[in-house]
């Protein structure tokens, strides 16, 4: 029995069995966000993007004792069984601090959807522009090409297409990158190490694995 230690607000150790049964995720069911602009949100996603409204929940509170407000929770079809959803908490005041972070930290938290071709990506860009939405030109990065835009709530959105399939070589490289990241930075980077330190650690790891493979 192993124990994984998570460095959260309160440190927690979770027992992990070596004989745990295999379980699998099957894609994203939904992502959810609060909104104080329900009308504009529906007009943007349903009427502008053309996403089908597939489900809506209304409730008086949430059966809790902490003054949970009455709310609506509504879902738009995002393809392949996934949805993007919103909570409208009736009578509550907007919380602008939720979107107060700008720049790279603000953009880091976003929802990205998939397009299957360059033509489809360009069609989405044309549709967004036709609604008056500001949208970037296609941006190529690594194995993706993406367009970026923002919804009426200030949430960052992306539509991407894959430029090539990911291969087993990509998977092995990712494993080594993450192993080097963890050994270099841990949590909160207590030794103030740099990306160059991480690249050196990864280089050493690549060399060790190559030597081991050659010795087999």
N, C-alpha and C. Protein backbone atom coordinates (compact mmCIF):
# COMPACT_ATOMS: atom_id res chain seq x y z
N UNK A 1 0.85 -1.20 0.00
CA UNK A 1 0.00 0.00 0.00
C UNK A 1 0.88 1.25 0.00
N UNK A 2 0.74 2.07 -1.03
CA UNK A 2 1.47 3.32 -1.09
C UNK A 2 0.63 4.43 -0.48
N UNK A 3 1.28 5.55 -0.14
CA UNK A 3 0.55 6.72 0.33
C UNK A 3 1.01 7.93 -0.48
N UNK A 4 0.06 8.58 -1.15
CA UNK A 4 0.35 9.80 -1.89
C UNK A 4 0.10 10.98 -0.98
N UNK A 5 1.04 11.92 -0.97
CA UNK A 5 0.91 13.09 -0.11
C UNK A 5 0.65 14.32 -0.98
N UNK A 6 -0.47 14.98 -0.74
CA UNK A 6 -0.86 16.14 -1.51
C UNK A 6 -0.59 17.39 -0.68
N UNK A 7 0.17 18.32 -1.25
CA UNK A 7 0.50 19.57 -0.57
C UNK A 7 -0.57 20.60 -0.92
N UNK A 8 -1.71 20.51 -0.29
CA UNK A 8 -2.82 21.43 -0.52
C UNK A 8 -2.83 22.45 0.60
N UNK A 9 -3.94 23.16 0.77
CA UNK A 9 -4.06 24.11 1.87
C UNK A 9 -3.87 23.37 3.19
N UNK A 10 -4.44 22.19 3.27
CA UNK A 10 -4.20 21.29 4.39
C UNK A 10 -3.58 20.03 3.82
N UNK A 11 -2.38 19.66 4.32
CA UNK A 11 -1.72 18.50 3.76
C UNK A 11 -2.54 17.24 4.05
N UNK A 12 -2.68 16.42 3.02
CA UNK A 12 -3.50 15.23 3.12
C UNK A 12 -2.74 14.05 2.55
N UNK A 13 -2.74 12.94 3.25
CA UNK A 13 -2.18 11.72 2.72
C UNK A 13 -3.30 10.77 2.36
N UNK A 14 -3.23 10.21 1.14
CA UNK A 14 -4.28 9.33 0.64
C UNK A 14 -3.67 7.96 0.37
N UNK A 15 -4.22 6.90 0.97
CA UNK A 15 -3.69 5.56 0.69
C UNK A 15 -4.04 5.13 -0.73
N UNK A 16 -3.07 4.54 -1.41
CA UNK A 16 -3.26 4.07 -2.78
C UNK A 16 -2.83 2.62 -2.84
N UNK A 17 -3.75 1.75 -3.25
CA UNK A 17 -3.45 0.33 -3.32
C UNK A 17 -2.66 0.02 -4.58
N UNK A 18 -1.68 -0.88 -4.45
CA UNK A 18 -0.94 -1.35 -5.63
C UNK A 18 -1.83 -2.21 -6.52
N UNK A 19 -2.92 -2.71 -5.98
CA UNK A 19 -3.81 -3.61 -6.73
C UNK A 19 -5.13 -2.92 -7.07
N UNK A 20 -5.08 -1.62 -7.26
CA UNK A 20 -6.31 -0.88 -7.54
C UNK A 20 -6.89 -1.31 -8.88
N UNK A 21 -8.23 -1.39 -9.00
CA UNK A 21 -8.84 -1.77 -10.27
C UNK A 21 -8.67 -0.65 -11.29
N UNK A 22 -8.63 -1.04 -12.57
CA UNK A 22 -8.50 -0.05 -13.65
C UNK A 22 -9.81 0.69 -13.82
N UNK A 23 -9.74 2.01 -13.82
CA UNK A 23 -10.91 2.83 -14.11
C UNK A 23 -10.51 3.84 -15.18
N UNK A 24 -11.47 4.31 -15.93
CA UNK A 24 -11.17 5.17 -17.07
C UNK A 24 -12.14 6.34 -17.11
N UNK A 25 -11.62 7.49 -17.52
CA UNK A 25 -12.47 8.62 -17.86
C UNK A 25 -12.85 8.52 -19.33
N UNK A 26 -13.99 9.06 -19.68
CA UNK A 26 -14.49 8.96 -21.05
C UNK A 26 -14.78 10.34 -21.62
N UNK A 27 -13.85 11.26 -21.40
CA UNK A 27 -14.02 12.61 -21.90
C UNK A 27 -14.64 13.53 -20.87
N UNK A 28 -14.82 14.79 -21.24
CA UNK A 28 -15.39 15.79 -20.34
C UNK A 28 -16.92 15.74 -20.43
N UNK A 29 -17.59 15.65 -19.28
CA UNK A 29 -19.05 15.72 -19.26
C UNK A 29 -19.49 17.17 -19.41
N UNK A 30 -19.01 18.05 -18.52
CA UNK A 30 -19.28 19.48 -18.66
C UNK A 30 -18.30 20.29 -17.83
N UNK A 31 -18.13 21.53 -18.23
CA UNK A 31 -17.50 22.52 -17.39
C UNK A 31 -18.59 23.51 -16.99
N UNK A 32 -18.43 24.18 -15.86
CA UNK A 32 -19.49 25.07 -15.36
C UNK A 32 -18.90 26.35 -14.79
N UNK A 33 -19.62 27.45 -14.98
CA UNK A 33 -19.17 28.77 -14.56
C UNK A 33 -20.35 29.57 -14.03
N UNK A 34 -20.11 30.49 -13.10
CA UNK A 34 -21.19 31.40 -12.69
C UNK A 34 -21.39 32.50 -13.73
N UNK A 35 -22.61 32.99 -13.84
CA UNK A 35 -22.89 34.12 -14.71
C UNK A 35 -23.86 35.07 -14.03
N UNK A 36 -23.67 36.35 -14.25
CA UNK A 36 -24.64 37.36 -13.83
C UNK A 36 -25.28 38.03 -15.05
N UNK A 37 -25.01 37.44 -16.22
CA UNK A 37 -25.58 37.93 -17.47
C UNK A 37 -26.29 36.78 -18.19
N UNK A 38 -27.37 36.26 -17.61
CA UNK A 38 -28.00 35.08 -18.22
C UNK A 38 -28.53 35.35 -19.62
N UNK A 39 -29.11 36.52 -19.86
CA UNK A 39 -29.66 36.83 -21.18
C UNK A 39 -28.54 36.87 -22.22
N UNK A 40 -27.48 37.63 -21.94
CA UNK A 40 -26.37 37.73 -22.89
C UNK A 40 -25.68 36.40 -23.09
N UNK A 41 -25.60 35.60 -22.03
CA UNK A 41 -24.95 34.29 -22.13
C UNK A 41 -25.72 33.38 -23.06
N UNK A 42 -27.05 33.35 -22.92
CA UNK A 42 -27.87 32.52 -23.80
C UNK A 42 -27.77 33.02 -25.24
N UNK A 43 -27.83 34.31 -25.41
CA UNK A 43 -27.76 34.87 -26.77
C UNK A 43 -26.41 34.56 -27.42
N UNK A 44 -25.33 34.55 -26.64
CA UNK A 44 -24.01 34.28 -27.19
C UNK A 44 -23.86 32.81 -27.58
N UNK A 45 -24.18 31.91 -26.64
CA UNK A 45 -23.94 30.49 -26.88
C UNK A 45 -25.02 29.85 -27.76
N UNK A 46 -26.28 30.13 -27.49
CA UNK A 46 -27.35 29.50 -28.27
C UNK A 46 -27.53 30.17 -29.63
N UNK A 47 -27.65 31.51 -29.62
CA UNK A 47 -27.97 32.22 -30.86
C UNK A 47 -26.73 32.57 -31.67
N UNK A 48 -25.63 32.92 -31.00
CA UNK A 48 -24.42 33.30 -31.71
C UNK A 48 -23.61 32.11 -32.16
N UNK A 49 -23.22 31.23 -31.21
CA UNK A 49 -22.43 30.05 -31.56
C UNK A 49 -23.28 28.92 -32.11
N UNK A 50 -24.59 28.96 -31.87
CA UNK A 50 -25.46 27.90 -32.36
C UNK A 50 -25.41 26.62 -31.55
N UNK A 51 -24.98 26.71 -30.28
CA UNK A 51 -24.95 25.53 -29.42
C UNK A 51 -26.35 25.26 -28.88
N UNK A 52 -26.77 24.02 -28.99
CA UNK A 52 -28.13 23.66 -28.55
C UNK A 52 -28.23 23.71 -27.03
N UNK A 53 -29.28 24.33 -26.53
CA UNK A 53 -29.58 24.29 -25.10
C UNK A 53 -30.20 22.94 -24.79
N UNK A 54 -29.52 22.12 -23.98
CA UNK A 54 -29.94 20.73 -23.80
C UNK A 54 -30.54 20.42 -22.44
N UNK A 55 -30.29 21.27 -21.44
CA UNK A 55 -30.80 20.94 -20.11
C UNK A 55 -30.81 22.19 -19.26
N UNK A 56 -31.78 22.28 -18.36
CA UNK A 56 -31.84 23.40 -17.42
C UNK A 56 -32.42 22.91 -16.11
N UNK A 57 -31.80 23.33 -15.02
CA UNK A 57 -32.23 22.98 -13.67
C UNK A 57 -32.60 24.27 -12.94
N UNK A 58 -33.70 24.25 -12.23
CA UNK A 58 -34.05 25.38 -11.36
C UNK A 58 -34.26 24.83 -9.95
N UNK A 59 -33.80 25.58 -8.97
CA UNK A 59 -33.89 25.06 -7.61
C UNK A 59 -33.97 26.20 -6.61
N UNK A 60 -34.70 25.95 -5.53
CA UNK A 60 -34.73 26.88 -4.41
C UNK A 60 -33.62 26.46 -3.45
N UNK A 61 -32.53 27.21 -3.51
CA UNK A 61 -31.38 26.84 -2.67
C UNK A 61 -30.78 25.52 -3.14
N UNK A 62 -30.04 24.90 -2.27
CA UNK A 62 -29.40 23.64 -2.61
C UNK A 62 -29.49 22.66 -1.43
N UNK A 63 -30.54 22.84 -0.63
CA UNK A 63 -30.73 21.97 0.52
C UNK A 63 -29.69 22.16 1.59
N UNK A 64 -29.01 23.29 1.61
CA UNK A 64 -27.96 23.55 2.59
C UNK A 64 -28.43 24.61 3.57
N UNK A 65 -27.64 24.78 4.64
CA UNK A 65 -28.02 25.71 5.71
C UNK A 65 -27.17 26.99 5.70
N UNK A 66 -26.41 27.20 4.63
CA UNK A 66 -25.51 28.36 4.62
C UNK A 66 -26.05 29.48 3.75
N UNK A 67 -27.35 29.51 3.53
CA UNK A 67 -27.94 30.59 2.76
C UNK A 67 -27.67 30.48 1.27
N UNK A 68 -27.58 29.28 0.75
CA UNK A 68 -27.34 29.08 -0.68
C UNK A 68 -28.48 29.71 -1.47
N UNK A 69 -28.20 30.57 -2.46
CA UNK A 69 -29.27 31.27 -3.17
C UNK A 69 -30.03 30.35 -4.11
N UNK A 70 -31.25 30.76 -4.45
CA UNK A 70 -31.98 30.09 -5.52
C UNK A 70 -31.20 30.27 -6.81
N UNK A 71 -31.34 29.30 -7.73
CA UNK A 71 -30.48 29.38 -8.91
C UNK A 71 -31.07 28.64 -10.10
N UNK A 72 -30.51 28.94 -11.26
CA UNK A 72 -30.71 28.17 -12.48
C UNK A 72 -29.36 27.63 -12.92
N UNK A 73 -29.37 26.43 -13.47
CA UNK A 73 -28.15 25.79 -13.96
C UNK A 73 -28.48 25.27 -15.36
N UNK A 74 -27.88 25.88 -16.40
CA UNK A 74 -28.29 25.51 -17.76
C UNK A 74 -27.08 25.11 -18.60
N UNK A 75 -27.32 24.18 -19.53
CA UNK A 75 -26.27 23.47 -20.24
C UNK A 75 -26.44 23.63 -21.75
N UNK A 76 -25.29 23.87 -22.43
CA UNK A 76 -25.27 23.92 -23.89
C UNK A 76 -24.43 22.76 -24.42
N UNK A 77 -24.90 22.15 -25.51
CA UNK A 77 -24.19 21.03 -26.12
C UNK A 77 -22.88 21.52 -26.74
N UNK A 78 -21.76 20.92 -26.31
CA UNK A 78 -20.45 21.28 -26.85
C UNK A 78 -19.87 20.18 -27.73
N UNK A 79 -20.68 19.18 -28.09
CA UNK A 79 -20.23 18.12 -28.98
C UNK A 79 -19.70 16.90 -28.27
N UNK A 80 -19.92 15.73 -28.87
CA UNK A 80 -19.42 14.46 -28.36
C UNK A 80 -19.85 14.19 -26.92
N UNK A 81 -21.05 14.59 -26.56
CA UNK A 81 -21.58 14.33 -25.23
C UNK A 81 -21.13 15.30 -24.17
N UNK A 82 -20.31 16.29 -24.51
CA UNK A 82 -19.83 17.28 -23.55
C UNK A 82 -20.73 18.51 -23.57
N UNK A 83 -20.68 19.28 -22.49
CA UNK A 83 -21.48 20.49 -22.40
C UNK A 83 -20.69 21.58 -21.69
N UNK A 84 -21.07 22.82 -21.94
CA UNK A 84 -20.62 23.95 -21.15
C UNK A 84 -21.84 24.49 -20.43
N UNK A 85 -21.72 24.73 -19.14
CA UNK A 85 -22.89 25.05 -18.31
C UNK A 85 -22.64 26.30 -17.49
N UNK A 86 -23.74 26.90 -17.06
CA UNK A 86 -23.66 28.14 -16.29
C UNK A 86 -24.63 28.09 -15.11
N UNK A 87 -24.20 28.70 -14.00
CA UNK A 87 -25.07 28.92 -12.85
C UNK A 87 -25.46 30.39 -12.81
N UNK A 88 -26.76 30.64 -12.68
CA UNK A 88 -27.22 32.00 -12.40
C UNK A 88 -27.83 31.99 -11.01
N UNK A 89 -27.15 32.63 -10.05
CA UNK A 89 -27.59 32.68 -8.67
C UNK A 89 -28.45 33.92 -8.47
N UNK A 90 -29.74 33.69 -8.32
CA UNK A 90 -30.71 34.78 -8.34
C UNK A 90 -30.52 35.68 -7.12
N UNK A 91 -30.49 36.99 -7.37
CA UNK A 91 -30.41 37.96 -6.29
C UNK A 91 -29.02 38.21 -5.76
N UNK A 92 -28.01 37.56 -6.31
CA UNK A 92 -26.64 37.79 -5.85
C UNK A 92 -25.98 38.88 -6.69
N UNK A 93 -24.98 39.52 -6.13
CA UNK A 93 -24.29 40.59 -6.83
C UNK A 93 -23.12 40.04 -7.63
N UNK A 94 -22.83 40.65 -8.78
CA UNK A 94 -21.69 40.20 -9.58
C UNK A 94 -20.39 40.22 -8.78
N UNK A 95 -19.49 39.31 -9.12
CA UNK A 95 -18.19 39.20 -8.46
C UNK A 95 -17.10 39.48 -9.50
N UNK A 96 -16.82 40.75 -9.77
CA UNK A 96 -15.84 41.06 -10.82
C UNK A 96 -14.45 40.52 -10.54
N UNK A 97 -14.14 40.22 -9.28
CA UNK A 97 -12.81 39.71 -8.98
C UNK A 97 -12.57 38.33 -9.59
N UNK A 98 -13.66 37.62 -9.97
CA UNK A 98 -13.49 36.31 -10.59
C UNK A 98 -12.76 36.41 -11.92
N UNK A 99 -12.90 37.55 -12.59
CA UNK A 99 -12.22 37.76 -13.86
C UNK A 99 -11.21 38.91 -13.78
N UNK A 100 -10.79 39.24 -12.57
CA UNK A 100 -9.91 40.40 -12.40
C UNK A 100 -8.48 40.12 -12.87
N UNK A 101 -8.09 38.85 -12.90
CA UNK A 101 -6.72 38.52 -13.31
C UNK A 101 -6.61 38.64 -14.82
N UNK A 102 -5.69 39.46 -15.27
CA UNK A 102 -5.49 39.67 -16.69
C UNK A 102 -4.13 39.10 -17.12
N UNK A 103 -3.85 39.23 -18.40
CA UNK A 103 -2.57 38.76 -18.91
C UNK A 103 -2.51 37.24 -18.96
N UNK A 104 -1.28 36.70 -18.89
CA UNK A 104 -1.10 35.27 -19.08
C UNK A 104 -1.81 34.44 -18.02
N UNK A 105 -1.91 34.94 -16.77
CA UNK A 105 -2.61 34.18 -15.74
C UNK A 105 -4.11 34.13 -16.00
N UNK A 106 -4.67 35.21 -16.52
CA UNK A 106 -6.09 35.21 -16.84
C UNK A 106 -6.41 34.28 -17.99
N UNK A 107 -5.53 34.25 -19.00
CA UNK A 107 -5.76 33.41 -20.17
C UNK A 107 -5.53 31.93 -19.85
N UNK A 108 -4.72 31.64 -18.83
CA UNK A 108 -4.39 30.25 -18.52
C UNK A 108 -5.63 29.42 -18.22
N UNK A 109 -6.64 30.03 -17.59
CA UNK A 109 -7.87 29.30 -17.29
C UNK A 109 -8.85 29.54 -18.42
N UNK A 110 -9.11 28.51 -19.22
CA UNK A 110 -9.96 28.68 -20.39
C UNK A 110 -10.60 27.35 -20.77
N UNK A 111 -11.58 27.43 -21.64
CA UNK A 111 -12.21 26.25 -22.23
C UNK A 111 -11.82 26.20 -23.70
N UNK A 112 -11.36 25.04 -24.16
CA UNK A 112 -10.99 24.86 -25.56
C UNK A 112 -11.84 23.75 -26.17
N UNK A 113 -12.43 24.05 -27.32
CA UNK A 113 -13.20 23.05 -28.07
C UNK A 113 -12.42 22.61 -29.30
N UNK A 114 -12.83 21.48 -29.89
CA UNK A 114 -12.10 20.91 -31.01
C UNK A 114 -12.82 21.17 -32.34
N UNK A 115 -12.03 21.59 -33.33
CA UNK A 115 -12.46 21.60 -34.71
C UNK A 115 -11.70 20.48 -35.42
N UNK A 116 -12.27 19.95 -36.50
CA UNK A 116 -11.68 18.78 -37.14
C UNK A 116 -10.83 19.11 -38.36
N UNK A 117 -10.84 20.37 -38.82
CA UNK A 117 -10.09 20.71 -40.02
C UNK A 117 -9.80 22.21 -40.02
N UNK A 118 -8.89 22.62 -40.92
CA UNK A 118 -8.60 24.04 -41.07
C UNK A 118 -9.84 24.78 -41.55
N UNK A 119 -10.58 24.16 -42.49
CA UNK A 119 -11.78 24.81 -43.01
C UNK A 119 -12.81 25.02 -41.91
N UNK A 120 -12.97 24.02 -41.03
CA UNK A 120 -13.93 24.14 -39.94
C UNK A 120 -13.51 25.23 -38.96
N UNK A 121 -12.21 25.31 -38.68
CA UNK A 121 -11.71 26.35 -37.78
C UNK A 121 -11.98 27.73 -38.37
N UNK A 122 -11.74 27.90 -39.66
CA UNK A 122 -11.98 29.19 -40.31
C UNK A 122 -13.47 29.51 -40.37
N UNK A 123 -14.31 28.48 -40.53
CA UNK A 123 -15.76 28.70 -40.51
C UNK A 123 -16.20 29.23 -39.15
N UNK A 124 -15.62 28.66 -38.08
CA UNK A 124 -15.96 29.14 -36.74
C UNK A 124 -15.51 30.59 -36.55
N UNK A 125 -14.34 30.91 -37.06
CA UNK A 125 -13.86 32.29 -36.94
C UNK A 125 -14.79 33.25 -37.67
N UNK A 126 -15.23 32.85 -38.87
CA UNK A 126 -16.15 33.71 -39.63
C UNK A 126 -17.47 33.87 -38.90
N UNK A 127 -17.96 32.79 -38.29
CA UNK A 127 -19.23 32.87 -37.55
C UNK A 127 -19.11 33.80 -36.36
N UNK A 128 -18.01 33.69 -35.63
CA UNK A 128 -17.80 34.55 -34.48
C UNK A 128 -17.71 36.02 -34.89
N UNK A 129 -16.97 36.30 -35.94
CA UNK A 129 -16.84 37.67 -36.41
C UNK A 129 -18.19 38.23 -36.85
N UNK A 130 -19.03 37.37 -37.44
CA UNK A 130 -20.35 37.82 -37.91
C UNK A 130 -21.25 38.23 -36.75
N UNK A 131 -21.00 37.69 -35.56
CA UNK A 131 -21.79 38.07 -34.38
C UNK A 131 -21.27 39.34 -33.72
N UNK A 132 -20.13 39.86 -34.21
CA UNK A 132 -19.51 41.03 -33.59
C UNK A 132 -18.49 40.68 -32.53
N UNK A 133 -18.24 39.40 -32.36
CA UNK A 133 -17.28 38.95 -31.35
C UNK A 133 -15.85 39.16 -31.86
N UNK A 134 -14.98 39.68 -31.00
CA UNK A 134 -13.57 39.81 -31.36
C UNK A 134 -12.91 38.44 -31.26
N UNK A 135 -12.23 38.04 -32.32
CA UNK A 135 -11.59 36.72 -32.36
C UNK A 135 -10.23 36.86 -33.03
N UNK A 136 -9.24 36.14 -32.52
CA UNK A 136 -7.89 36.24 -33.06
C UNK A 136 -7.80 35.52 -34.40
N UNK A 137 -6.79 35.86 -35.20
CA UNK A 137 -6.45 35.00 -36.34
C UNK A 137 -5.99 33.64 -35.82
N UNK A 138 -5.96 32.62 -36.67
CA UNK A 138 -5.44 31.32 -36.23
C UNK A 138 -3.99 31.43 -35.75
N UNK A 139 -3.72 30.83 -34.61
CA UNK A 139 -2.39 30.85 -34.00
C UNK A 139 -1.87 29.42 -33.94
N UNK A 140 -0.69 29.18 -34.50
CA UNK A 140 -0.09 27.84 -34.47
C UNK A 140 0.85 27.73 -33.28
N UNK A 141 0.66 26.66 -32.48
CA UNK A 141 1.55 26.43 -31.33
C UNK A 141 1.69 24.93 -31.13
N UNK A 142 2.96 24.48 -31.22
CA UNK A 142 3.25 23.05 -31.08
C UNK A 142 2.42 22.23 -32.07
N UNK A 143 1.52 21.41 -31.57
CA UNK A 143 0.74 20.52 -32.45
C UNK A 143 -0.68 21.02 -32.68
N UNK A 144 -0.96 22.29 -32.34
CA UNK A 144 -2.32 22.82 -32.46
C UNK A 144 -2.33 24.11 -33.27
N UNK A 145 -3.48 24.39 -33.85
CA UNK A 145 -3.78 25.70 -34.42
C UNK A 145 -5.08 26.15 -33.78
N UNK A 146 -5.11 27.39 -33.25
CA UNK A 146 -6.23 27.81 -32.41
C UNK A 146 -6.68 29.22 -32.74
N UNK A 147 -7.95 29.48 -32.46
CA UNK A 147 -8.47 30.84 -32.41
C UNK A 147 -8.96 31.10 -30.98
N UNK A 148 -8.87 32.37 -30.55
CA UNK A 148 -9.18 32.72 -29.17
C UNK A 148 -10.21 33.85 -29.15
N UNK A 149 -11.11 33.78 -28.17
CA UNK A 149 -12.13 34.82 -28.02
C UNK A 149 -12.65 34.79 -26.60
N UNK A 150 -13.52 35.74 -26.26
CA UNK A 150 -14.01 35.91 -24.89
C UNK A 150 -15.53 36.00 -24.94
N UNK A 151 -16.20 35.34 -23.98
CA UNK A 151 -17.67 35.38 -23.95
C UNK A 151 -18.16 36.62 -23.18
N UNK A 152 -19.48 36.85 -23.12
CA UNK A 152 -19.98 38.06 -22.45
C UNK A 152 -19.64 38.16 -20.97
N UNK A 153 -19.29 37.03 -20.35
CA UNK A 153 -18.92 37.04 -18.94
C UNK A 153 -17.44 37.33 -18.70
N UNK A 154 -16.68 37.42 -19.78
CA UNK A 154 -15.24 37.61 -19.65
C UNK A 154 -14.46 36.31 -19.58
N UNK A 155 -15.12 35.16 -19.85
CA UNK A 155 -14.43 33.87 -19.82
C UNK A 155 -13.69 33.64 -21.14
N UNK A 156 -12.47 33.15 -21.03
CA UNK A 156 -11.64 32.90 -22.20
C UNK A 156 -12.01 31.58 -22.85
N UNK A 157 -12.17 31.62 -24.18
CA UNK A 157 -12.55 30.45 -24.95
C UNK A 157 -11.58 30.25 -26.11
N UNK A 158 -11.50 29.02 -26.57
CA UNK A 158 -10.58 28.66 -27.64
C UNK A 158 -11.23 27.57 -28.48
N UNK A 159 -10.98 27.59 -29.79
CA UNK A 159 -11.32 26.48 -30.67
C UNK A 159 -10.03 26.07 -31.36
N UNK A 160 -9.69 24.78 -31.29
CA UNK A 160 -8.40 24.29 -31.78
C UNK A 160 -8.59 23.13 -32.74
N UNK A 161 -7.62 22.98 -33.61
CA UNK A 161 -7.55 21.76 -34.43
C UNK A 161 -6.17 21.17 -34.26
N UNK A 162 -6.08 19.86 -34.28
CA UNK A 162 -4.80 19.17 -34.17
C UNK A 162 -4.11 19.19 -35.52
N UNK A 163 -2.82 19.51 -35.52
CA UNK A 163 -2.05 19.51 -36.77
C UNK A 163 -1.50 18.14 -37.10
N UNK A 164 -1.39 17.29 -36.08
CA UNK A 164 -0.98 15.90 -36.30
C UNK A 164 -1.39 15.07 -35.11
N UNK A 165 -1.53 13.78 -35.27
CA UNK A 165 -1.85 12.93 -34.10
C UNK A 165 -0.66 12.88 -33.15
N UNK A 166 -0.95 12.76 -31.86
CA UNK A 166 0.10 12.52 -30.88
C UNK A 166 0.53 11.06 -30.94
N UNK A 167 1.82 10.82 -30.83
CA UNK A 167 2.38 9.49 -31.00
C UNK A 167 2.93 8.97 -29.68
N UNK A 168 3.38 7.73 -29.72
CA UNK A 168 4.00 7.15 -28.53
C UNK A 168 5.26 7.93 -28.15
N UNK A 169 5.97 8.46 -29.11
CA UNK A 169 7.14 9.29 -28.82
C UNK A 169 6.73 10.55 -28.04
N UNK A 170 5.59 11.15 -28.42
CA UNK A 170 5.09 12.30 -27.65
C UNK A 170 4.79 11.90 -26.21
N UNK A 171 4.20 10.72 -26.02
CA UNK A 171 3.84 10.27 -24.68
C UNK A 171 5.09 10.06 -23.83
N UNK A 172 6.13 9.44 -24.44
CA UNK A 172 7.37 9.22 -23.69
C UNK A 172 8.04 10.55 -23.33
N UNK A 173 8.03 11.47 -24.28
CA UNK A 173 8.62 12.79 -24.01
C UNK A 173 7.87 13.50 -22.89
N UNK A 174 6.53 13.40 -22.90
CA UNK A 174 5.74 14.03 -21.84
C UNK A 174 6.07 13.42 -20.48
N UNK A 175 6.21 12.10 -20.43
CA UNK A 175 6.56 11.44 -19.17
C UNK A 175 7.88 11.99 -18.62
N UNK A 176 8.89 12.12 -19.48
CA UNK A 176 10.19 12.61 -19.02
C UNK A 176 10.13 14.09 -18.64
N UNK A 177 9.38 14.87 -19.39
CA UNK A 177 9.24 16.29 -19.05
C UNK A 177 8.62 16.46 -17.67
N UNK A 178 7.55 15.71 -17.40
CA UNK A 178 6.86 15.86 -16.11
C UNK A 178 7.70 15.31 -14.97
N UNK A 179 8.42 14.22 -15.22
CA UNK A 179 9.30 13.69 -14.17
C UNK A 179 10.38 14.72 -13.83
N UNK A 180 10.94 15.37 -14.87
CA UNK A 180 11.95 16.40 -14.63
C UNK A 180 11.34 17.62 -13.93
N UNK A 181 10.12 17.98 -14.29
CA UNK A 181 9.44 19.11 -13.65
C UNK A 181 9.28 18.86 -12.16
N UNK A 182 8.80 17.68 -11.80
CA UNK A 182 8.54 17.37 -10.40
C UNK A 182 9.85 17.35 -9.60
N UNK A 183 10.88 16.74 -10.17
CA UNK A 183 12.15 16.66 -9.43
C UNK A 183 12.81 18.03 -9.31
N UNK A 184 12.56 18.92 -10.26
CA UNK A 184 13.19 20.25 -10.24
C UNK A 184 12.44 21.24 -9.36
N UNK A 185 11.14 21.30 -9.53
CA UNK A 185 10.36 22.36 -8.88
C UNK A 185 9.57 21.90 -7.66
N UNK A 186 9.23 20.59 -7.60
CA UNK A 186 8.36 20.13 -6.51
C UNK A 186 7.08 20.94 -6.51
N UNK A 187 6.67 21.42 -5.32
CA UNK A 187 5.56 22.35 -5.18
C UNK A 187 6.11 23.69 -4.70
N UNK A 188 5.72 24.76 -5.36
CA UNK A 188 6.08 26.13 -4.97
C UNK A 188 7.54 26.48 -5.22
N UNK A 189 8.29 25.60 -5.89
CA UNK A 189 9.67 25.88 -6.30
C UNK A 189 10.50 26.46 -5.15
N UNK A 190 10.69 25.72 -4.04
CA UNK A 190 11.34 26.28 -2.85
C UNK A 190 12.79 26.67 -3.06
N UNK A 191 13.47 26.09 -4.08
CA UNK A 191 14.88 26.40 -4.31
C UNK A 191 15.06 27.41 -5.44
N UNK A 192 13.97 28.02 -5.89
CA UNK A 192 14.03 29.06 -6.93
C UNK A 192 14.78 28.59 -8.17
N UNK A 193 14.51 27.37 -8.59
CA UNK A 193 15.16 26.84 -9.78
C UNK A 193 14.52 27.41 -11.05
N UNK A 194 15.19 27.22 -12.17
CA UNK A 194 14.77 27.80 -13.43
C UNK A 194 14.43 26.71 -14.44
N UNK A 195 13.92 27.15 -15.59
CA UNK A 195 13.61 26.18 -16.65
C UNK A 195 14.88 25.53 -17.17
N UNK A 196 16.01 26.25 -17.11
CA UNK A 196 17.28 25.64 -17.53
C UNK A 196 17.65 24.48 -16.61
N UNK A 197 17.39 24.63 -15.30
CA UNK A 197 17.62 23.52 -14.37
C UNK A 197 16.76 22.32 -14.75
N UNK A 198 15.51 22.59 -15.13
CA UNK A 198 14.62 21.49 -15.50
C UNK A 198 15.08 20.82 -16.79
N UNK A 199 15.52 21.62 -17.76
CA UNK A 199 16.00 21.03 -19.02
C UNK A 199 17.24 20.18 -18.79
N UNK A 200 18.14 20.61 -17.89
CA UNK A 200 19.30 19.78 -17.57
C UNK A 200 18.87 18.46 -16.94
N UNK A 201 17.89 18.52 -16.04
CA UNK A 201 17.38 17.29 -15.41
C UNK A 201 16.76 16.38 -16.45
N UNK A 202 16.04 16.96 -17.40
CA UNK A 202 15.41 16.13 -18.44
C UNK A 202 16.49 15.53 -19.34
N UNK A 203 17.51 16.32 -19.67
CA UNK A 203 18.59 15.79 -20.50
C UNK A 203 19.26 14.59 -19.85
N UNK A 204 19.49 14.69 -18.55
CA UNK A 204 20.11 13.56 -17.83
C UNK A 204 19.19 12.35 -17.84
N UNK A 205 17.89 12.60 -17.72
CA UNK A 205 16.92 11.51 -17.74
C UNK A 205 16.88 10.85 -19.12
N UNK A 206 16.91 11.65 -20.18
CA UNK A 206 16.93 11.10 -21.54
C UNK A 206 18.17 10.23 -21.73
N UNK A 207 19.32 10.72 -21.25
CA UNK A 207 20.56 9.95 -21.40
C UNK A 207 20.49 8.63 -20.65
N UNK A 208 19.95 8.66 -19.43
CA UNK A 208 19.85 7.42 -18.64
C UNK A 208 18.95 6.41 -19.32
N UNK A 209 17.82 6.87 -19.83
CA UNK A 209 16.89 5.95 -20.48
C UNK A 209 17.47 5.40 -21.78
N UNK A 210 18.19 6.26 -22.53
CA UNK A 210 18.79 5.79 -23.76
C UNK A 210 19.87 4.74 -23.47
N UNK A 211 20.66 4.97 -22.39
CA UNK A 211 21.70 4.01 -22.01
C UNK A 211 21.06 2.69 -21.59
N UNK A 212 19.97 2.78 -20.82
CA UNK A 212 19.31 1.55 -20.38
C UNK A 212 18.72 0.78 -21.56
N UNK A 213 18.16 1.50 -22.52
CA UNK A 213 17.58 0.83 -23.68
C UNK A 213 18.67 0.16 -24.53
N UNK A 214 19.83 0.81 -24.63
CA UNK A 214 20.92 0.24 -25.42
C UNK A 214 21.50 -1.00 -24.75
N UNK A 215 21.40 -1.05 -23.42
CA UNK A 215 21.97 -2.18 -22.69
C UNK A 215 21.07 -3.41 -22.72
N UNK A 216 19.82 -3.26 -23.15
CA UNK A 216 18.90 -4.38 -23.13
C UNK A 216 19.22 -5.37 -24.25
